[in-house]
Amino acid sequence: KAWLPGRCNHLLKPTPEMDTAIGGALGA
């Protein structure tokens, strides 16, 4: 197998807060 860089499937930390979720996404 080929190991792709983590940026190709960047797991975000789950959160119930929309603002926190979007903030995490923008940071990623």
PDB file of all heavy atoms in Angstrom:
ATOM      1  N   LYS A   1       0.825  -1.198   0.000  1.00  0.00           N
ATOM      2  CA  LYS A   1       0.000   0.000   0.000  1.00  0.00           C
ATOM      3  C   LYS A   1       0.860   1.249   0.000  1.00  0.00           C
ATOM      4  O   LYS A   1       2.013   1.240   0.443  1.00  0.00           O
ATOM      5  CB  LYS A   1      -0.958   0.006   1.205  1.00  0.00           C
ATOM      6  CG  LYS A   1      -0.268  -0.105   2.551  1.00  0.00           C
ATOM      7  CD  LYS A   1      -1.272  -0.078   3.704  1.00  0.00           C
ATOM      8  CE  LYS A   1      -2.102  -1.334   3.826  1.00  0.00           C
ATOM      9  NZ  LYS A   1      -1.321  -2.488   4.325  1.00  0.00           N
ATOM     10  N   ALA A   2       0.289   2.332  -0.494  1.00  0.00           N
ATOM     11  CA  ALA A   2       0.914   3.644  -0.414  1.00  0.00           C
ATOM     12  C   ALA A   2       0.298   4.376   0.765  1.00  0.00           C
ATOM     13  O   ALA A   2      -0.922   4.340   0.968  1.00  0.00           O
ATOM     14  CB  ALA A   2       0.681   4.422  -1.708  1.00  0.00           C
ATOM     15  N   TRP A   3       1.146   5.051   1.538  1.00  0.00           N
ATOM     16  CA  TRP A   3       0.661   5.824   2.689  1.00  0.00           C
ATOM     17  C   TRP A   3       0.536   7.285   2.258  1.00  0.00           C
ATOM     18  O   TRP A   3       1.529   7.944   1.977  1.00  0.00           O
ATOM     19  CB  TRP A   3       1.607   5.682   3.868  1.00  0.00           C
ATOM     20  CG  TRP A   3       1.625   4.291   4.423  1.00  0.00           C
ATOM     21  CD1 TRP A   3       2.543   3.312   4.167  1.00  0.00           C
ATOM     22  CD2 TRP A   3       0.659   3.717   5.313  1.00  0.00           C
ATOM     23  NE1 TRP A   3       2.210   2.165   4.845  1.00  0.00           N
ATOM     24  CE2 TRP A   3       1.067   2.379   5.558  1.00  0.00           C
ATOM     25  CE3 TRP A   3      -0.499   4.193   5.922  1.00  0.00           C
ATOM     26  CZ2 TRP A   3       0.354   1.520   6.396  1.00  0.00           C
ATOM     27  CZ3 TRP A   3      -1.213   3.336   6.750  1.00  0.00           C
ATOM     28  CH2 TRP A   3      -0.796   2.023   6.986  1.00  0.00           C
ATOM     29  N   LEU A   4      -0.683   7.752   2.191  1.00  0.00           N
ATOM     30  CA  LEU A   4      -0.944   9.135   1.810  1.00  0.00           C
ATOM     31  C   LEU A   4      -0.737  10.052   3.018  1.00  0.00           C
ATOM     32  O   LEU A   4      -0.915   9.628   4.165  1.00  0.00           O
ATOM     33  CB  LEU A   4      -2.377   9.277   1.294  1.00  0.00           C
ATOM     34  CG  LEU A   4      -2.767   8.391   0.100  1.00  0.00           C
ATOM     35  CD1 LEU A   4      -4.230   8.621  -0.252  1.00  0.00           C
ATOM     36  CD2 LEU A   4      -1.873   8.655  -1.093  1.00  0.00           C
ATOM     37  N   PRO A   5      -0.388  11.308   2.789  1.00  0.00           N
ATOM     38  CA  PRO A   5      -0.214  12.238   3.918  1.00  0.00           C
ATOM     39  C   PRO A   5      -1.533  12.481   4.650  1.00  0.00           C
ATOM     40  O   PRO A   5      -2.622  12.401   4.066  1.00  0.00           O
ATOM     41  CB  PRO A   5       0.308  13.515   3.254  1.00  0.00           C
ATOM     42  CG  PRO A   5      -0.067  13.397   1.814  1.00  0.00           C
ATOM     43  CD  PRO A   5      -0.073  11.937   1.492  1.00  0.00           C
ATOM     44  N   GLY A   6      -1.419  12.793   5.929  1.00  0.00           N
ATOM     45  CA  GLY A   6      -2.595  12.981   6.768  1.00  0.00           C
ATOM     46  C   GLY A   6      -3.534  14.058   6.279  1.00  0.00           C
ATOM     47  O   GLY A   6      -4.740  14.003   6.561  1.00  0.00           O
ATOM     48  N   ARG A   7      -3.031  15.044   5.550  1.00  0.00           N
ATOM     49  CA  ARG A   7      -3.894  16.122   5.069  1.00  0.00           C
ATOM     50  C   ARG A   7      -4.965  15.624   4.097  1.00  0.00           C
ATOM     51  O   ARG A   7      -5.968  16.293   3.870  1.00  0.00           O
ATOM     52  CB  ARG A   7      -3.059  17.209   4.393  1.00  0.00           C
ATOM     53  CG  ARG A   7      -2.330  16.771   3.125  1.00  0.00           C
ATOM     54  CD  ARG A   7      -1.569  17.919   2.479  1.00  0.00           C
ATOM     55  NE  ARG A   7      -0.806  17.474   1.315  1.00  0.00           N
ATOM     56  CZ  ARG A   7       0.438  17.028   1.363  1.00  0.00           C
ATOM     57  NH1 ARG A   7       1.056  16.993   2.531  1.00  0.00           N
ATOM     58  NH2 ARG A   7       1.062  16.637   0.269  1.00  0.00           N
ATOM     59  N   CYS A   8      -4.753  14.420   3.538  1.00  0.00           N
ATOM     60  CA  CYS A   8      -5.719  13.869   2.581  1.00  0.00           C
ATOM     61  C   CYS A   8      -6.960  13.292   3.259  1.00  0.00           C
ATOM     62  O   CYS A   8      -7.961  13.013   2.588  1.00  0.00           O
ATOM     63  CB  CYS A   8      -5.053  12.782   1.733  1.00  0.00           C
ATOM     64  SG  CYS A   8      -3.652  13.375   0.767  1.00  0.00           S
ATOM     65  N   ASN A   9      -6.882  13.100   4.567  1.00  0.00           N
ATOM     66  CA  ASN A   9      -8.033  12.618   5.338  1.00  0.00           C
ATOM     67  C   ASN A   9      -7.842  13.141   6.756  1.00  0.00           C
ATOM     68  O   ASN A   9      -7.478  12.408   7.671  1.00  0.00           O
ATOM     69  CB  ASN A   9      -8.099  11.088   5.307  1.00  0.00           C
ATOM     70  CG  ASN A   9      -9.308  10.519   6.028  1.00  0.00           C
ATOM     71  OD1 ASN A   9     -10.157  11.256   6.517  1.00  0.00           O
ATOM     72  ND2 ASN A   9      -9.387   9.203   6.086  1.00  0.00           N
ATOM     73  N   HIS A  10      -8.073  14.446   6.898  1.00  0.00           N
ATOM     74  CA  HIS A  10      -7.804  15.133   8.163  1.00  0.00           C
ATOM     75  C   HIS A  10      -8.995  14.963   9.103  1.00  0.00           C
ATOM     76  O   HIS A  10     -10.055  15.556   8.906  1.00  0.00           O
ATOM     77  CB  HIS A  10      -7.547  16.622   7.899  1.00  0.00           C
ATOM     78  CG  HIS A  10      -7.160  17.384   9.121  1.00  0.00           C
ATOM     79  ND1 HIS A  10      -5.859  17.708   9.419  1.00  0.00           N
ATOM     80  CD2 HIS A  10      -7.913  17.875  10.139  1.00  0.00           C
ATOM     81  CE1 HIS A  10      -5.816  18.377  10.555  1.00  0.00           C
ATOM     82  NE2 HIS A  10      -7.054  18.493  11.023  1.00  0.00           N
ATOM     83  N   LEU A  11      -8.802  14.134  10.129  1.00  0.00           N
ATOM     84  CA  LEU A  11      -9.868  13.890  11.103  1.00  0.00           C
ATOM     85  C   LEU A  11      -9.979  15.065  12.063  1.00  0.00           C
ATOM     86  O   LEU A  11      -9.009  15.452  12.710  1.00  0.00           O
ATOM     87  CB  LEU A  11      -9.568  12.619  11.887  1.00  0.00           C
ATOM     88  CG  LEU A  11      -9.920  11.291  11.221  1.00  0.00           C
ATOM     89  CD1 LEU A  11      -9.281  10.148  11.989  1.00  0.00           C
ATOM     90  CD2 LEU A  11     -11.420  11.112  11.143  1.00  0.00           C
ATOM     91  N   LEU A  12     -11.175  15.612  12.145  1.00  0.00           N
ATOM     92  CA  LEU A  12     -11.431  16.727  13.053  1.00  0.00           C
ATOM     93  C   LEU A  12     -11.995  16.204  14.378  1.00  0.00           C
ATOM     94  O   LEU A  12     -12.702  15.194  14.401  1.00  0.00           O
ATOM     95  CB  LEU A  12     -12.401  17.709  12.420  1.00  0.00           C
ATOM     96  CG  LEU A  12     -11.798  18.478  11.234  1.00  0.00           C
ATOM     97  CD1 LEU A  12     -12.874  18.936  10.283  1.00  0.00           C
ATOM     98  CD2 LEU A  12     -10.983  19.651  11.727  1.00  0.00           C
ATOM     99  N   LYS A  13     -11.680  16.891  15.438  1.00  0.00           N
ATOM    100  CA  LYS A  13     -12.164  16.476  16.754  1.00  0.00           C
ATOM    101  C   LYS A  13     -13.653  16.751  16.867  1.00  0.00           C
ATOM    102  O   LYS A  13     -14.105  17.885  16.699  1.00  0.00           O
ATOM    103  CB  LYS A  13     -11.413  17.241  17.843  1.00  0.00           C
ATOM    104  CG  LYS A  13     -11.742  16.780  19.256  1.00  0.00           C
ATOM    105  CD  LYS A  13     -10.909  17.514  20.282  1.00  0.00           C
ATOM    106  CE  LYS A  13     -11.232  17.046  21.696  1.00  0.00           C
ATOM    107  NZ  LYS A  13     -10.398  17.757  22.702  1.00  0.00           N
ATOM    108  N   PRO A  14     -14.449  15.709  17.134  1.00  0.00           N
ATOM    109  CA  PRO A  14     -15.900  15.908  17.233  1.00  0.00           C
ATOM    110  C   PRO A  14     -16.278  16.896  18.325  1.00  0.00           C
ATOM    111  O   PRO A  14     -15.674  16.919  19.400  1.00  0.00           O
ATOM    112  CB  PRO A  14     -16.417  14.499  17.564  1.00  0.00           C
ATOM    113  CG  PRO A  14     -15.355  13.578  17.076  1.00  0.00           C
ATOM    114  CD  PRO A  14     -14.064  14.303  17.304  1.00  0.00           C
ATOM    115  N   THR A  15     -17.271  17.709  18.035  1.00  0.00           N
ATOM    116  CA  THR A  15     -17.773  18.674  19.010  1.00  0.00           C
ATOM    117  C   THR A  15     -19.238  18.968  18.708  1.00  0.00           C
ATOM    118  O   THR A  15     -19.634  19.001  17.532  1.00  0.00           O
ATOM    119  CB  THR A  15     -16.974  19.993  18.958  1.00  0.00           C
ATOM    120  OG1 THR A  15     -17.597  20.967  19.806  1.00  0.00           O
ATOM    121  CG2 THR A  15     -16.901  20.542  17.555  1.00  0.00           C
ATOM    122  N   PRO A  16     -20.075  19.175  19.732  1.00  0.00           N
ATOM    123  CA  PRO A  16     -21.485  19.502  19.492  1.00  0.00           C
ATOM    124  C   PRO A  16     -21.693  20.966  19.133  1.00  0.00           C
ATOM    125  O   PRO A  16     -22.772  21.349  18.685  1.00  0.00           O
ATOM    126  CB  PRO A  16     -22.151  19.159  20.821  1.00  0.00           C
ATOM    127  CG  PRO A  16     -21.074  19.387  21.836  1.00  0.00           C
ATOM    128  CD  PRO A  16     -19.796  18.966  21.167  1.00  0.00           C
ATOM    129  N   GLU A  17     -20.672  21.784  19.324  1.00  0.00           N
ATOM    130  CA  GLU A  17     -20.809  23.222  19.091  1.00  0.00           C
ATOM    131  C   GLU A  17     -20.438  23.576  17.655  1.00  0.00           C
ATOM    132  O   GLU A  17     -19.326  23.310  17.211  1.00  0.00           O
ATOM    133  CB  GLU A  17     -19.914  23.996  20.065  1.00  0.00           C
ATOM    134  CG  GLU A  17     -20.204  23.740  21.535  1.00  0.00           C
ATOM    135  CD  GLU A  17     -21.594  24.203  21.920  1.00  0.00           C
ATOM    136  OE1 GLU A  17     -22.099  25.164  21.298  1.00  0.00           O
ATOM    137  OE2 GLU A  17     -22.185  23.601  22.834  1.00  0.00           O
ATOM    138  N   MET A  18     -21.361  24.192  16.924  1.00  0.00           N
ATOM    139  CA  MET A  18     -21.120  24.522  15.528  1.00  0.00           C
ATOM    140  C   MET A  18     -19.934  25.470  15.365  1.00  0.00           C
ATOM    141  O   MET A  18     -19.086  25.281  14.487  1.00  0.00           O
ATOM    142  CB  MET A  18     -22.374  25.142  14.908  1.00  0.00           C
ATOM    143  CG  MET A  18     -22.211  25.538  13.439  1.00  0.00           C
ATOM    144  SD  MET A  18     -21.862  24.122  12.354  1.00  0.00           S
ATOM    145  CE  MET A  18     -23.470  23.328  12.358  1.00  0.00           C
ATOM    146  N   ASP A  19     -19.871  26.496  16.201  1.00  0.00           N
ATOM    147  CA  ASP A  19     -18.767  27.459  16.091  1.00  0.00           C
ATOM    148  C   ASP A  19     -17.418  26.776  16.280  1.00  0.00           C
ATOM    149  O   ASP A  19     -16.450  27.082  15.562  1.00  0.00           O
ATOM    150  CB  ASP A  19     -18.926  28.583  17.118  1.00  0.00           C
ATOM    151  CG  ASP A  19     -20.061  29.531  16.776  1.00  0.00           C
ATOM    152  OD1 ASP A  19     -20.553  29.462  15.627  1.00  0.00           O
ATOM    153  OD2 ASP A  19     -20.464  30.325  17.649  1.00  0.00           O
ATOM    154  N   THR A  20     -17.353  25.849  17.218  1.00  0.00           N
ATOM    155  CA  THR A  20     -16.108  25.134  17.468  1.00  0.00           C
ATOM    156  C   THR A  20     -15.763  24.227  16.290  1.00  0.00           C
ATOM    157  O   THR A  20     -14.599  24.120  15.892  1.00  0.00           O
ATOM    158  CB  THR A  20     -16.210  24.301  18.754  1.00  0.00           C
ATOM    159  OG1 THR A  20     -16.583  25.153  19.838  1.00  0.00           O
ATOM    160  CG2 THR A  20     -14.893  23.624  19.076  1.00  0.00           C
ATOM    161  N   ALA A  21     -16.777  23.587  15.734  1.00  0.00           N
ATOM    162  CA  ALA A  21     -16.556  22.707  14.583  1.00  0.00           C
ATOM    163  C   ALA A  21     -16.020  23.485  13.388  1.00  0.00           C
ATOM    164  O   ALA A  21     -15.055  23.074  12.744  1.00  0.00           O
ATOM    165  CB  ALA A  21     -17.853  22.000  14.210  1.00  0.00           C
ATOM    166  N   ILE A  22     -16.631  24.616  13.108  1.00  0.00           N
ATOM    167  CA  ILE A  22     -16.198  25.428  11.971  1.00  0.00           C
ATOM    168  C   ILE A  22     -14.822  26.029  12.235  1.00  0.00           C
ATOM    169  O   ILE A  22     -13.971  26.092  11.336  1.00  0.00           O
ATOM    170  CB  ILE A  22     -17.227  26.538  11.677  1.00  0.00           C
ATOM    171  CG1 ILE A  22     -18.572  25.908  11.280  1.00  0.00           C
ATOM    172  CG2 ILE A  22     -16.719  27.449  10.571  1.00  0.00           C
ATOM    173  CD1 ILE A  22     -18.505  24.973  10.085  1.00  0.00           C
ATOM    174  N   GLY A  23     -14.584  26.438  13.468  1.00  0.00           N
ATOM    175  CA  GLY A  23     -13.271  26.963  13.817  1.00  0.00           C
ATOM    176  C   GLY A  23     -12.181  25.926  13.608  1.00  0.00           C
ATOM    177  O   GLY A  23     -11.105  26.229  13.071  1.00  0.00           O
ATOM    178  N   GLY A  24     -12.470  24.686  14.006  1.00  0.00           N
ATOM    179  CA  GLY A  24     -11.515  23.603  13.799  1.00  0.00           C
ATOM    180  C   GLY A  24     -11.275  23.330  12.330  1.00  0.00           C
ATOM    181  O   GLY A  24     -10.146  23.070  11.898  1.00  0.00           O
ATOM    182  N   ALA A  25     -12.349  23.393  11.553  1.00  0.00           N
ATOM    183  CA  ALA A  25     -12.225  23.165  10.110  1.00  0.00           C
ATOM    184  C   ALA A  25     -11.380  24.248   9.447  1.00  0.00           C
ATOM    185  O   ALA A  25     -10.502  23.961   8.623  1.00  0.00           O
ATOM    186  CB  ALA A  25     -13.611  23.114   9.474  1.00  0.00           C
ATOM    187  N   LEU A  26     -11.626  25.488   9.800  1.00  0.00           N
ATOM    188  CA  LEU A  26     -10.868  26.593   9.211  1.00  0.00           C
ATOM    189  C   LEU A  26      -9.399  26.522   9.613  1.00  0.00           C
ATOM    190  O   LEU A  26      -8.504  26.809   8.803  1.00  0.00           O
ATOM    191  CB  LEU A  26     -11.480  27.928   9.619  1.00  0.00           C
ATOM    192  CG  LEU A  26     -12.895  28.206   9.089  1.00  0.00           C
ATOM    193  CD1 LEU A  26     -13.414  29.532   9.631  1.00  0.00           C
ATOM    194  CD2 LEU A  26     -12.906  28.212   7.561  1.00  0.00           C
ATOM    195  N   GLY A  27      -9.148  26.106  10.842  1.00  0.00           N
ATOM    196  CA  GLY A  27      -7.766  25.936  11.280  1.00  0.00           C
ATOM    197  C   GLY A  27      -7.056  24.846  10.500  1.00  0.00           C
ATOM    198  O   GLY A  27      -5.878  24.987  10.137  1.00  0.00           O
ATOM    199  N   ALA A  28      -7.784  23.752  10.234  1.00  0.00           N
ATOM    200  CA  ALA A  28      -7.204  22.652   9.455  1.00  0.00           C
ATOM    201  C   ALA A  28      -6.901  23.095   8.028  1.00  0.00           C
ATOM    202  O   ALA A  28      -5.871  22.730   7.451  1.00  0.00           O
ATOM    203  CB  ALA A  28      -8.157  21.462   9.451  1.00  0.00           C
TER     204      ALA A  28
END
